[in-house]
Protein backbone atom coordinates (compact mmCIF):
# COMPACT_ATOMS: atom_id res chain seq x y z
CA UNK A 1 54.49 -19.10 65.55
CA UNK A 2 55.25 -15.99 63.96
CA UNK A 3 52.68 -13.63 62.15
CA UNK A 4 54.73 -14.42 59.03
CA UNK A 5 54.29 -18.31 59.42
CA UNK A 6 50.38 -17.84 59.69
CA UNK A 7 50.33 -15.81 56.45
CA UNK A 8 52.05 -18.36 54.71
CA UNK A 9 49.78 -21.22 55.80
CA UNK A 10 46.49 -19.53 54.77
CA UNK A 11 44.78 -21.14 51.82
CA UNK A 12 44.30 -19.15 48.90
CA UNK A 13 40.91 -17.53 48.90
CA UNK A 14 38.07 -18.88 46.45
CA UNK A 15 35.58 -16.55 44.73
CA UNK A 16 32.39 -16.29 46.34
CA UNK A 17 30.24 -17.55 43.50
CA UNK A 18 32.07 -20.63 43.36
CA UNK A 19 32.80 -20.13 39.86
CA UNK A 20 36.09 -20.16 37.80
CA UNK A 21 37.66 -16.81 37.06
CA UNK A 22 40.93 -15.91 34.72
CA UNK A 23 43.46 -13.55 36.18
CA UNK A 24 44.33 -10.67 33.75
CA UNK A 25 47.50 -12.41 32.68
CA UNK A 26 45.81 -15.26 30.99
CA UNK A 27 43.11 -12.96 29.53
CA UNK A 28 45.51 -10.75 28.02
CA UNK A 29 47.36 -13.74 26.46
CA UNK A 30 43.86 -15.09 25.22
CA UNK A 31 43.08 -11.86 23.59
CA UNK A 32 46.59 -11.64 21.98
CA UNK A 33 46.26 -15.03 20.52
CA UNK A 34 42.57 -14.12 19.13
CA UNK A 35 44.14 -10.71 17.63
CA UNK A 36 46.89 -12.78 16.18
CA UNK A 37 44.63 -15.42 14.68
CA UNK A 38 42.43 -12.77 13.04
CA UNK A 39 45.46 -11.12 11.23
CA UNK A 40 46.81 -14.35 10.03
CA UNK A 41 43.42 -15.05 8.80
CA UNK A 42 42.86 -11.94 7.11
CA UNK A 43 40.01 -10.68 8.99
CA UNK A 44 42.06 -7.91 10.40
CA UNK A 45 43.94 -6.22 7.50
CA UNK A 46 47.80 -6.17 7.85
CA UNK A 47 47.69 -2.42 7.49
CA UNK A 48 45.86 -1.67 10.99
CA UNK A 49 48.85 -3.76 12.67
CA UNK A 50 51.58 -1.49 13.63
């Protein structure tokens, strides 16, 4: 078995605390949707959005 096969078969690491975590792509998506919702509802004025 080559080293490359060994790397492919490793299980993904789990956070030591056992809790779940959000990767930065999902965090950015959620933040963007929250900001969009705030603009649509009028909490953030349209003039502040470029």
